[in-house]
Amino acid sequence: MPELPEVETVRRGLAPTMEGARIARLELRRKDLRFPFPEGMEARATGRTIVSLGRRAKYLLIDLDDGATIIAHLGMSGSFRIETGPVAETPGEFHHPRSKDEKHDHAIFHLEGPAGVSRVIYNDPRRFGFMDMAERTALDINPFLHGLGPELTGNALSAAYLAERFKGKAQPLKSALLDQKNIAGLGNIYVCEALWRSHLKPTRAAATLATKTGKPTKQMDLLVTSIREVIADAILAGGSSLRDHIQTDGSLGYFQHSFSVYDREGQPCRTPDCGGTIARIVQAGRSTFYCPTCQK
């Protein structure tokens, strides 16, 4: 599933085309994706101007000039494609390729903007993604956004905050980090990468990174720093390739070529002088990759 850096790269890729553009028509080619489209969404969006493109955790937020916000989630296989004439770009790159098969084009934003006429197309073969519509002033109580923890890129995420959340929890560390109520937007890939960078075993109890009174340990300080760094590196990888426009087919972002632990089962650990081998285990139905030698 796309994680925060990929969604942020998609946001950055769509922004030049969508921000300031008028939606001449929103075309929904089916009644639902993972969930039904909101009733009246086509009519309300048509004719509106997109004032900004934002992101909350793994959700893309399309703010309209009448106070409404379209909330989009990419699910497992969703992607946006920009078409201006014969050229199409798919902002963002994921560990698994995105589809460009037109039979899976489910929502089309027909836009008129400063750069001319364009189409932003949402494609989703497995239809695990979805779109919702809400008043911007009520986003905090929207069922999809309500209760999310602090953003990975914001000041609210700190060692002190996580220590208080993890105090007394026997829950495995990786599971606690994937809980969106603790941190918003952190997913499987980057949890594995951050735990490797901080030399922490994914199965250890979350409470071991906090004192009994809920104060952070030095290991918690290192973990929070590692989380921030791995997310920043991943966003930078996507953003750098986005600015370069190396390929017009949407092959943007190269952080997956820099994975230190994820999807590297059986390969040597990249920690200097470690000598360990990357192992794979399954936690809560998801693959976890880590080094049994240097992650404790």
Protein backbone atom coordinates (compact mmCIF):
# COMPACT_ATOMS: atom_id res chain seq x y z
CA MET A 1 0.00 0.00 0.00
CA PRO A 2 1.34 3.49 -0.82
CA GLU A 3 2.88 5.17 2.20
CA LEU A 4 3.29 8.81 3.18
CA PRO A 5 6.36 9.57 1.00
CA GLU A 6 4.64 8.15 -2.10
CA VAL A 7 1.43 10.08 -1.41
CA GLU A 8 3.43 13.25 -0.80
CA THR A 9 5.25 12.70 -4.10
CA VAL A 10 1.89 12.27 -5.84
CA ARG A 11 0.64 15.50 -4.22
CA ARG A 12 3.69 17.39 -5.43
CA GLY A 13 3.33 15.94 -8.90
CA LEU A 14 -0.36 16.86 -9.20
CA ALA A 15 -0.15 20.31 -7.64
CA PRO A 16 1.18 22.26 -10.67
CA THR A 17 -1.67 20.93 -12.81
CA MET A 18 -4.53 20.94 -10.29
CA GLU A 19 -3.97 23.96 -8.05
CA GLY A 20 -5.76 26.99 -9.47
CA ALA A 21 -7.52 24.94 -12.14
CA ARG A 22 -11.28 24.90 -12.66
CA ILE A 23 -13.00 21.52 -12.74
CA ALA A 24 -14.91 21.78 -16.02
CA ARG A 25 -16.35 18.36 -15.27
CA LEU A 26 -15.81 15.57 -12.78
CA GLU A 27 -16.53 12.28 -14.51
CA LEU A 28 -17.19 9.22 -12.34
CA ARG A 29 -17.33 6.08 -14.48
CA ARG A 30 -18.79 3.81 -11.82
CA LYS A 31 -20.85 4.15 -8.66
CA ASP A 32 -18.17 2.99 -6.27
CA LEU A 33 -14.59 2.03 -5.59
CA ARG A 34 -13.89 0.43 -2.22
CA PHE A 35 -16.87 2.47 -1.00
CA PRO A 36 -19.61 4.27 -2.96
CA PHE A 37 -18.80 7.74 -4.21
CA PRO A 38 -20.60 10.39 -2.13
CA GLU A 39 -24.02 11.27 -3.49
CA GLY A 40 -23.90 14.45 -5.57
CA MET A 41 -20.09 14.54 -5.72
CA GLU A 42 -19.95 15.02 -9.50
CA ALA A 43 -22.40 17.91 -9.47
CA ARG A 44 -20.81 19.69 -6.51
CA ALA A 45 -17.25 19.44 -7.84
CA THR A 46 -18.09 20.45 -11.41
CA GLY A 47 -17.47 24.15 -11.95
CA ARG A 48 -15.43 24.57 -8.76
CA THR A 49 -11.85 25.80 -8.61
CA ILE A 50 -9.18 23.78 -6.82
CA VAL A 51 -7.57 26.15 -4.33
CA SER A 52 -4.96 23.78 -2.93
CA LEU A 53 -3.75 20.20 -2.75
CA GLY A 54 -2.93 18.92 0.72
CA ARG A 55 -2.18 15.67 2.50
CA ARG A 56 -3.14 14.16 5.85
CA ALA A 57 -1.30 10.91 6.63
CA LYS A 58 -1.84 8.75 3.50
CA TYR A 59 -4.84 10.76 2.28
CA LEU A 60 -4.73 13.30 -0.55
CA LEU A 61 -6.88 16.38 0.15
CA ILE A 62 -8.28 18.36 -2.80
CA ASP A 63 -9.62 21.67 -1.45
CA LEU A 64 -12.31 23.40 -3.50
CA ASP A 65 -13.29 27.06 -3.49
CA ASP A 66 -16.71 26.43 -1.96
CA GLY A 67 -15.32 24.99 1.28
CA ALA A 68 -15.55 21.31 0.29
CA THR A 69 -12.62 18.90 0.30
CA ILE A 70 -12.30 15.73 -1.77
CA ILE A 71 -10.50 13.06 0.26
CA ALA A 72 -8.69 10.47 -1.88
CA HIS A 73 -6.94 7.29 -0.79
CA LEU A 74 -4.91 5.22 -3.28
CA GLY A 75 -5.59 1.84 -1.69
CA MET A 76 -3.39 -0.98 -2.95
CA SER A 77 -3.20 -0.17 -6.65
CA GLY A 78 -4.57 3.33 -7.21
CA SER A 79 -2.72 6.08 -9.05
CA PHE A 80 -3.35 9.43 -10.71
CA ARG A 81 -2.36 10.08 -14.32
CA ILE A 82 -2.04 13.50 -15.93
CA GLU A 83 -2.93 13.81 -19.61
CA THR A 84 -2.34 16.90 -21.72
CA GLY A 85 -2.75 15.88 -25.33
CA PRO A 86 -0.89 12.65 -26.18
CA VAL A 87 1.51 12.79 -23.21
CA ALA A 88 0.63 11.12 -19.91
CA GLU A 89 2.49 11.32 -16.60
CA THR A 90 1.86 9.29 -13.46
CA PRO A 91 3.21 11.26 -10.49
CA GLY A 92 4.89 9.11 -7.87
CA GLU A 93 6.59 5.76 -7.91
CA PHE A 94 5.78 2.74 -5.82
CA HIS A 95 7.48 -0.51 -4.93
CA HIS A 96 4.98 -2.27 -7.21
CA PRO A 97 4.11 -0.79 -10.65
CA ARG A 98 0.94 1.27 -11.12
CA SER A 99 -1.57 0.49 -13.87
CA LYS A 100 -2.10 2.65 -16.95
CA ASP A 101 -4.82 0.39 -18.44
CA GLU A 102 -7.67 2.71 -19.42
CA LYS A 103 -10.34 0.16 -18.51
CA HIS A 104 -9.44 0.87 -14.87
CA ASP A 105 -9.86 4.65 -15.22
CA HIS A 106 -12.66 5.28 -12.72
CA ALA A 107 -12.61 9.04 -12.06
CA ILE A 108 -11.55 11.84 -14.40
CA PHE A 109 -11.05 15.48 -13.46
CA HIS A 110 -11.47 17.52 -16.67
CA LEU A 111 -9.54 20.68 -15.86
CA GLU A 112 -9.14 24.17 -17.29
CA GLY A 113 -6.15 25.92 -15.79
CA PRO A 114 -3.34 28.39 -16.37
CA ALA A 115 -1.44 25.70 -18.27
CA GLY A 116 -4.43 24.92 -20.49
CA VAL A 117 -6.82 21.98 -20.72
CA SER A 118 -5.82 18.76 -19.00
CA ARG A 119 -7.23 15.59 -17.49
CA VAL A 120 -6.26 14.10 -14.15
CA ILE A 121 -7.34 10.45 -14.16
CA TYR A 122 -7.67 8.13 -11.18
CA ASN A 123 -6.87 4.52 -12.15
CA ASP A 124 -7.36 1.59 -9.76
CA PRO A 125 -7.43 -2.03 -11.01
CA ARG A 126 -8.23 -3.57 -7.61
CA ARG A 127 -10.54 -0.75 -6.49
CA PHE A 128 -9.26 -0.73 -2.90
CA GLY A 129 -8.88 3.04 -3.08
CA PHE A 130 -11.75 5.44 -2.48
CA MET A 131 -12.89 9.06 -2.55
CA ASP A 132 -14.98 10.94 -0.04
CA MET A 133 -16.19 14.53 0.18
CA ALA A 134 -16.46 16.62 3.34
CA GLU A 135 -16.63 20.20 4.51
CA ARG A 136 -13.12 21.50 5.14
CA THR A 137 -14.17 22.76 8.57
CA ALA A 138 -15.29 19.23 9.53
CA LEU A 139 -12.26 17.21 8.42
CA ASP A 140 -11.26 16.44 12.00
CA ILE A 141 -14.49 14.52 12.55
CA ASN A 142 -14.50 12.77 9.17
CA PRO A 143 -14.57 8.97 9.77
CA PHE A 144 -11.37 8.48 7.74
CA LEU A 145 -9.38 11.26 9.41
CA HIS A 146 -10.76 11.30 12.93
CA GLY A 147 -8.36 10.10 15.62
CA LEU A 148 -5.21 10.09 13.49
CA GLY A 149 -1.98 10.71 15.35
CA PRO A 150 0.48 13.53 14.61
CA GLU A 151 2.08 13.87 11.19
CA LEU A 152 5.51 12.39 10.65
CA THR A 153 6.75 15.68 9.25
CA GLY A 154 5.31 17.92 11.98
CA ASN A 155 6.65 19.18 15.29
CA ALA A 156 4.08 17.21 17.31
CA LEU A 157 5.96 13.96 16.76
CA SER A 158 8.60 13.70 19.46
CA ALA A 159 10.31 11.11 21.65
CA ALA A 160 8.39 12.45 24.65
CA TYR A 161 5.05 12.03 22.85
CA LEU A 162 5.77 8.44 21.75
CA ALA A 163 7.12 7.45 25.16
CA GLU A 164 3.86 8.54 26.75
CA ARG A 165 1.89 6.56 24.14
CA PHE A 166 4.05 3.43 24.52
CA LYS A 167 4.27 3.44 28.32
CA GLY A 168 3.27 0.04 29.72
CA LYS A 169 2.44 -1.44 26.28
CA ALA A 170 3.43 -5.06 25.69
CA GLN A 171 2.44 -4.62 22.03
CA PRO A 172 5.29 -5.36 19.58
CA LEU A 173 7.18 -2.24 18.63
CA LYS A 174 6.44 -2.57 14.93
CA SER A 175 2.69 -2.92 15.56
CA ALA A 176 2.70 0.14 17.80
CA LEU A 177 4.42 2.18 15.10
CA LEU A 178 1.91 1.05 12.47
CA ASP A 179 -1.03 2.13 14.64
CA GLN A 180 -2.27 5.28 12.90
CA LYS A 181 -3.62 6.59 16.20
CA ASN A 182 -0.02 6.80 17.42
CA ILE A 183 1.57 8.19 14.25
CA ALA A 184 -0.23 9.20 11.06
CA GLY A 185 1.13 7.95 7.76
CA LEU A 186 3.83 5.50 8.81
CA GLY A 187 3.52 2.21 6.92
CA ASN A 188 5.17 -1.18 6.70
CA ILE A 189 8.12 -0.32 4.46
CA TYR A 190 9.33 2.70 6.38
CA VAL A 191 8.76 1.11 9.79
CA CYS A 192 11.16 -1.65 8.76
CA GLU A 193 13.66 0.89 7.49
CA ALA A 194 13.45 3.10 10.60
CA LEU A 195 13.80 0.15 12.98
CA TRP A 196 16.88 -1.03 11.08
CA ARG A 197 18.43 2.43 11.24
CA SER A 198 17.84 2.60 14.99
CA HIS A 199 18.99 -1.04 15.54
CA LEU A 200 15.72 -2.00 17.24
CA LYS A 201 14.11 -5.42 16.95
CA PRO A 202 10.54 -5.20 15.59
CA THR A 203 9.21 -7.81 18.03
CA ARG A 204 10.40 -6.15 21.24
CA ALA A 205 7.74 -4.62 23.49
CA ALA A 206 6.92 -0.99 22.77
CA ALA A 207 7.12 -0.25 26.48
CA THR A 208 10.86 -0.98 26.52
CA LEU A 209 11.47 2.41 24.89
CA ALA A 210 9.83 4.30 27.73
CA THR A 211 10.45 4.49 31.45
CA LYS A 212 7.74 3.48 33.91
CA THR A 213 6.77 7.14 34.22
CA GLY A 214 6.49 7.55 30.45
CA LYS A 215 9.79 9.29 29.74
CA PRO A 216 11.73 8.48 26.55
CA THR A 217 14.86 6.35 26.63
CA LYS A 218 17.90 7.08 24.45
CA GLN A 219 16.67 4.33 22.14
CA MET A 220 13.38 6.21 21.71
CA ASP A 221 15.28 9.37 20.83
CA LEU A 222 17.20 7.43 18.19
CA LEU A 223 14.02 5.85 16.84
CA VAL A 224 12.23 9.18 16.36
CA THR A 225 15.30 10.62 14.65
CA SER A 226 15.46 7.55 12.37
CA ILE A 227 11.76 7.85 11.49
CA ARG A 228 12.16 11.50 10.54
CA GLU A 229 15.29 10.82 8.51
CA VAL A 230 13.95 7.86 6.55
CA ILE A 231 10.75 9.74 5.66
CA ALA A 232 12.72 12.84 4.65
CA ASP A 233 15.06 10.74 2.50
CA ALA A 234 12.13 9.00 0.81
CA ILE A 235 10.30 12.25 0.08
CA LEU A 236 13.50 13.78 -1.24
CA ALA A 237 14.01 10.82 -3.58
CA GLY A 238 10.54 11.23 -5.03
CA GLY A 239 10.75 15.00 -5.14
CA SER A 240 14.15 15.05 -6.81
CA SER A 241 13.09 12.79 -9.67
CA LEU A 242 9.84 14.72 -9.95
CA ARG A 243 11.73 17.95 -10.55
CA ASP A 244 14.00 16.30 -13.08
CA HIS A 245 11.12 14.91 -15.20
CA ILE A 246 13.51 12.20 -16.38
CA GLN A 247 10.68 10.10 -17.84
CA THR A 248 7.26 11.14 -19.11
CA ASP A 249 5.67 7.76 -18.32
CA GLY A 250 5.56 8.51 -14.60
CA SER A 251 8.60 6.47 -13.50
CA LEU A 252 9.46 8.88 -10.71
CA GLY A 253 11.14 8.36 -7.38
CA TYR A 254 14.03 6.07 -6.64
CA PHE A 255 14.02 5.44 -2.89
CA GLN A 256 13.06 1.80 -3.43
CA HIS A 257 16.54 1.30 -4.89
CA SER A 258 17.95 2.42 -1.53
CA PHE A 259 16.10 0.03 0.76
CA SER A 260 18.49 -1.12 3.46
CA VAL A 261 16.33 -3.91 4.84
CA TYR A 262 12.87 -4.07 3.26
CA ASP A 263 12.44 -6.93 0.75
CA ARG A 264 16.11 -7.98 1.21
CA GLU A 265 15.60 -11.36 2.88
CA GLY A 266 18.74 -13.49 2.77
CA GLN A 267 21.01 -10.61 1.79
CA PRO A 268 23.86 -9.20 3.90
CA CYS A 269 23.02 -6.52 6.44
CA ARG A 270 24.29 -3.10 5.39
CA THR A 271 25.23 -2.04 8.91
CA PRO A 272 29.03 -1.62 8.92
CA ASP A 273 30.86 -4.54 10.56
CA CYS A 274 27.57 -6.32 11.36
CA GLY A 275 28.02 -9.49 9.30
CA GLY A 276 24.37 -10.44 9.77
CA THR A 277 21.82 -11.60 7.20
CA ILE A 278 18.42 -9.98 6.68
CA ALA A 279 15.55 -12.18 7.88
CA ARG A 280 11.83 -12.08 7.21
CA ILE A 281 9.04 -12.80 9.69
CA VAL A 282 5.29 -12.18 9.54
CA GLN A 283 3.62 -9.85 12.03
CA ALA A 284 -0.14 -9.28 11.90
CA GLY A 285 -0.21 -10.63 8.36
CA ARG A 286 2.57 -8.34 7.08
CA SER A 287 6.15 -9.12 6.18
CA THR A 288 8.76 -7.73 8.52
CA PHE A 289 12.38 -7.51 7.43
CA TYR A 290 15.15 -7.03 9.97
CA CYS A 291 18.67 -8.06 10.95
CA PRO A 292 18.70 -10.53 13.89
CA THR A 293 22.35 -9.66 14.53
CA CYS A 294 22.33 -5.88 14.99
CA GLN A 295 18.69 -5.19 15.83
CA LYS A 296 18.08 -5.86 19.51
